[in-house]
Protein backbone atom coordinates (compact mmCIF):
# COMPACT_ATOMS: atom_id res chain seq x y z
CA UNK A 1 93.56 77.05 138.44
CA UNK A 2 93.98 75.73 134.99
CA UNK A 3 97.23 75.19 133.28
CA UNK A 4 96.51 77.81 131.04
CA UNK A 5 96.07 80.07 134.15
CA UNK A 6 99.45 79.05 135.48
CA UNK A 7 101.24 79.88 132.44
CA UNK A 8 99.89 83.15 132.14
CA UNK A 9 100.66 83.80 135.78
CA UNK A 10 104.12 82.64 134.94
CA UNK A 11 104.14 85.16 131.95
CA UNK A 12 102.76 87.95 134.59
CA UNK A 13 105.82 87.03 136.80
CA UNK A 14 108.25 87.56 134.07
CA UNK A 15 106.50 90.67 132.48
CA UNK A 16 107.03 92.22 135.66
CA UNK A 17 110.82 91.21 136.33
CA UNK A 18 111.62 92.89 132.61
CA UNK A 19 112.90 96.14 133.30
CA UNK A 20 110.67 98.84 131.61
CA UNK A 21 107.79 96.59 131.44
CA UNK A 22 106.73 97.33 134.90
CA UNK A 23 103.91 95.57 137.04
CA UNK A 24 101.84 98.60 136.39
CA UNK A 25 101.52 97.57 133.01
CA UNK A 26 101.52 93.78 133.48
CA UNK A 27 98.67 93.75 136.09
CA UNK A 28 96.04 95.15 133.62
CA UNK A 29 97.20 92.88 130.94
CA UNK A 30 96.88 89.82 133.05
CA UNK A 31 93.40 91.20 134.30
CA UNK A 32 92.20 91.87 130.84
CA UNK A 33 93.37 88.27 129.75
CA UNK A 34 91.03 86.86 132.27
CA UNK A 35 93.46 85.93 134.99
CA UNK A 36 92.57 86.07 138.76
CA UNK A 37 93.43 89.53 140.14
CA UNK A 38 95.18 88.59 143.49
CA UNK A 39 97.56 86.05 141.69
CA UNK A 40 98.17 88.46 139.00
CA UNK A 41 99.33 91.35 141.09
CA UNK A 42 101.42 88.71 143.50
CA UNK A 43 103.10 87.25 140.34
CA UNK A 44 103.86 90.99 138.62
CA UNK A 45 104.83 92.29 142.06
CA UNK A 46 107.15 89.52 142.86
CA UNK A 47 108.73 89.48 139.55
CA UNK A 48 109.29 93.38 139.46
CA UNK A 49 110.69 93.49 143.18
CA UNK A 50 112.94 90.49 142.39
CA UNK A 51 114.91 92.48 140.02
CA UNK A 52 114.52 95.61 141.43
CA UNK A 53 116.28 94.05 144.70
CA UNK A 54 119.18 92.44 142.18
CA UNK A 55 119.62 96.13 140.70
CA UNK A 56 119.68 97.97 143.81
CA UNK A 57 122.18 95.07 145.53
CA UNK A 58 124.62 95.08 142.19
CA UNK A 59 124.27 98.55 142.34
CA UNK A 60 125.42 98.92 145.81
CA UNK A 61 128.43 96.58 145.01
CA UNK A 62 129.52 98.75 141.83
CA UNK A 63 129.33 101.85 143.78
CA UNK A 64 131.91 100.34 146.55
CA UNK A 65 134.03 98.90 143.89
CA UNK A 66 133.79 102.19 141.89
CA UNK A 67 134.96 104.00 145.08
CA UNK A 68 137.54 101.99 146.08
CA UNK A 69 139.13 102.13 142.56
CA UNK A 70 138.96 105.96 142.50
CA UNK A 71 140.73 106.02 145.97
CA UNK A 72 143.41 103.92 145.02
CA UNK A 73 143.94 106.32 141.93
CA UNK A 74 144.07 109.07 144.22
CA UNK A 75 146.49 107.51 146.25
CA UNK A 76 148.68 106.89 143.31
CA UNK A 77 148.57 110.67 142.34
CA UNK A 78 150.19 112.35 145.20
CA UNK A 79 149.60 116.01 144.06
CA UNK A 80 148.08 118.09 146.76
CA UNK A 81 146.51 120.59 144.59
CA UNK A 82 144.66 117.68 142.43
CA UNK A 83 143.73 116.04 145.85
CA UNK A 84 142.46 119.38 147.20
CA UNK A 85 140.30 119.81 143.94
CA UNK A 86 139.02 116.24 143.98
CA UNK A 87 137.58 117.02 147.40
CA UNK A 88 135.86 120.15 146.39
CA UNK A 89 134.11 118.26 143.75
CA UNK A 90 133.25 115.56 146.02
CA UNK A 91 131.83 118.11 148.52
CA UNK A 92 129.91 119.72 145.67
CA UNK A 93 128.32 116.46 144.60
CA UNK A 94 127.43 115.66 148.12
CA UNK A 95 125.54 118.95 148.56
CA UNK A 96 123.74 118.53 145.20
CA UNK A 97 122.68 115.06 146.54
CA UNK A 98 121.49 116.69 149.80
CA UNK A 99 119.45 119.09 147.67
CA UNK A 100 117.90 116.57 145.76
CA UNK A 101 116.93 114.49 148.67
CA UNK A 102 115.74 117.57 150.45
CA UNK A 103 113.28 118.30 147.72
CA UNK A 104 111.44 115.20 147.78
CA UNK A 105 114.06 112.36 148.09
CA UNK A 106 113.25 108.66 148.18
CA UNK A 107 109.56 109.12 148.70
CA UNK A 108 109.43 111.10 145.31
CA UNK A 109 111.62 108.61 143.65
CA UNK A 110 109.64 105.82 144.99
CA UNK A 111 106.54 107.38 143.73
CA UNK A 112 107.48 108.53 140.43
CA UNK A 113 109.99 105.58 139.77
CA UNK A 114 107.55 102.94 138.59
CA UNK A 115 105.89 105.35 136.01
CA UNK A 116 108.95 107.51 134.93
CA UNK A 117 112.21 105.92 135.26
CA UNK A 118 111.45 102.46 135.71
CA UNK A 119 111.72 100.55 139.05
CA UNK A 120 115.12 99.02 138.34
CA UNK A 121 116.75 102.19 137.36
CA UNK A 122 115.02 104.17 140.44
CA UNK A 123 116.58 101.82 142.67
CA UNK A 124 120.07 102.25 141.06
CA UNK A 125 119.59 105.98 140.98
CA UNK A 126 119.03 105.89 144.83
CA UNK A 127 122.12 103.76 145.60
CA UNK A 128 124.09 105.97 143.06
CA UNK A 129 122.60 108.95 145.40
CA UNK A 130 124.37 107.30 148.39
CA UNK A 131 121.43 105.46 149.60
CA UNK A 132 121.80 101.99 150.98
CA UNK A 133 120.66 99.07 148.78
CA UNK A 134 117.98 97.85 151.38
CA UNK A 135 116.88 101.50 152.01
CA UNK A 136 116.24 101.82 148.20
CA UNK A 137 114.61 98.46 147.77
CA UNK A 138 112.09 99.16 150.51
CA UNK A 139 111.16 102.75 149.15
CA UNK A 140 111.00 101.59 145.50
CA UNK A 141 109.20 98.35 146.70
CA UNK A 142 106.84 100.50 148.60
CA UNK A 143 105.89 102.83 145.25
CA UNK A 144 105.68 99.50 143.25
CA UNK A 145 103.24 97.84 145.56
CA UNK A 146 101.06 101.02 145.66
CA UNK A 147 101.00 101.75 141.88
CA UNK A 148 100.47 97.99 141.46
CA UNK A 149 97.49 97.85 143.74
CA UNK A 150 96.09 101.16 141.89
CA UNK A 151 96.38 99.51 138.60
CA UNK A 152 94.51 96.30 139.63
CA UNK A 153 91.64 98.43 141.30
CA UNK A 154 91.43 100.58 138.14
CA UNK A 155 91.32 97.71 135.95
CA UNK A 156 88.74 95.93 137.94
CA UNK A 157 86.69 98.97 138.44
CA UNK A 158 86.82 99.77 134.91
CA UNK A 159 85.41 96.13 134.04
CA UNK A 160 82.61 96.65 136.65
CA UNK A 161 81.79 100.31 135.14
CA UNK A 162 81.70 98.97 131.69
CA UNK A 163 79.73 95.95 132.60
CA UNK A 164 82.84 93.53 131.06
CA UNK A 165 83.71 90.14 133.07
CA UNK A 166 81.59 88.24 135.31
């Protein structure tokens, strides 16, 4: 590969890593620019999944910190009625999370995340719903890889149908 192609792949990696500029967008751009398909897919997906992993991991750390902070504040307020009210609210939130997860849950978030929310936000949303960082990453990664492969196949197929490239 030439130096220009390597630079193009670095750009593809960085483009995939940027939030809201998903691998699904960067892959067709790299293929249209004349870069080899498989390295483009690998670079874009790797860049995207690196930031998804960071978002999920840091999201989980923030959730742990926030929960501990909230618990410390509850201990400081020793009012039984307030504690009961908070416990009721927490139970309602947990029921809402269960309903969301029952209606499609992580598979739906994994499939729609790259198209609607962005992969990083989808990972953070999953962590916020109580999914572990590892499970969140694995689900969102599977959706990202699926959409990335579909984007590459659609681009290459479109080129073949139009008779572009060689």
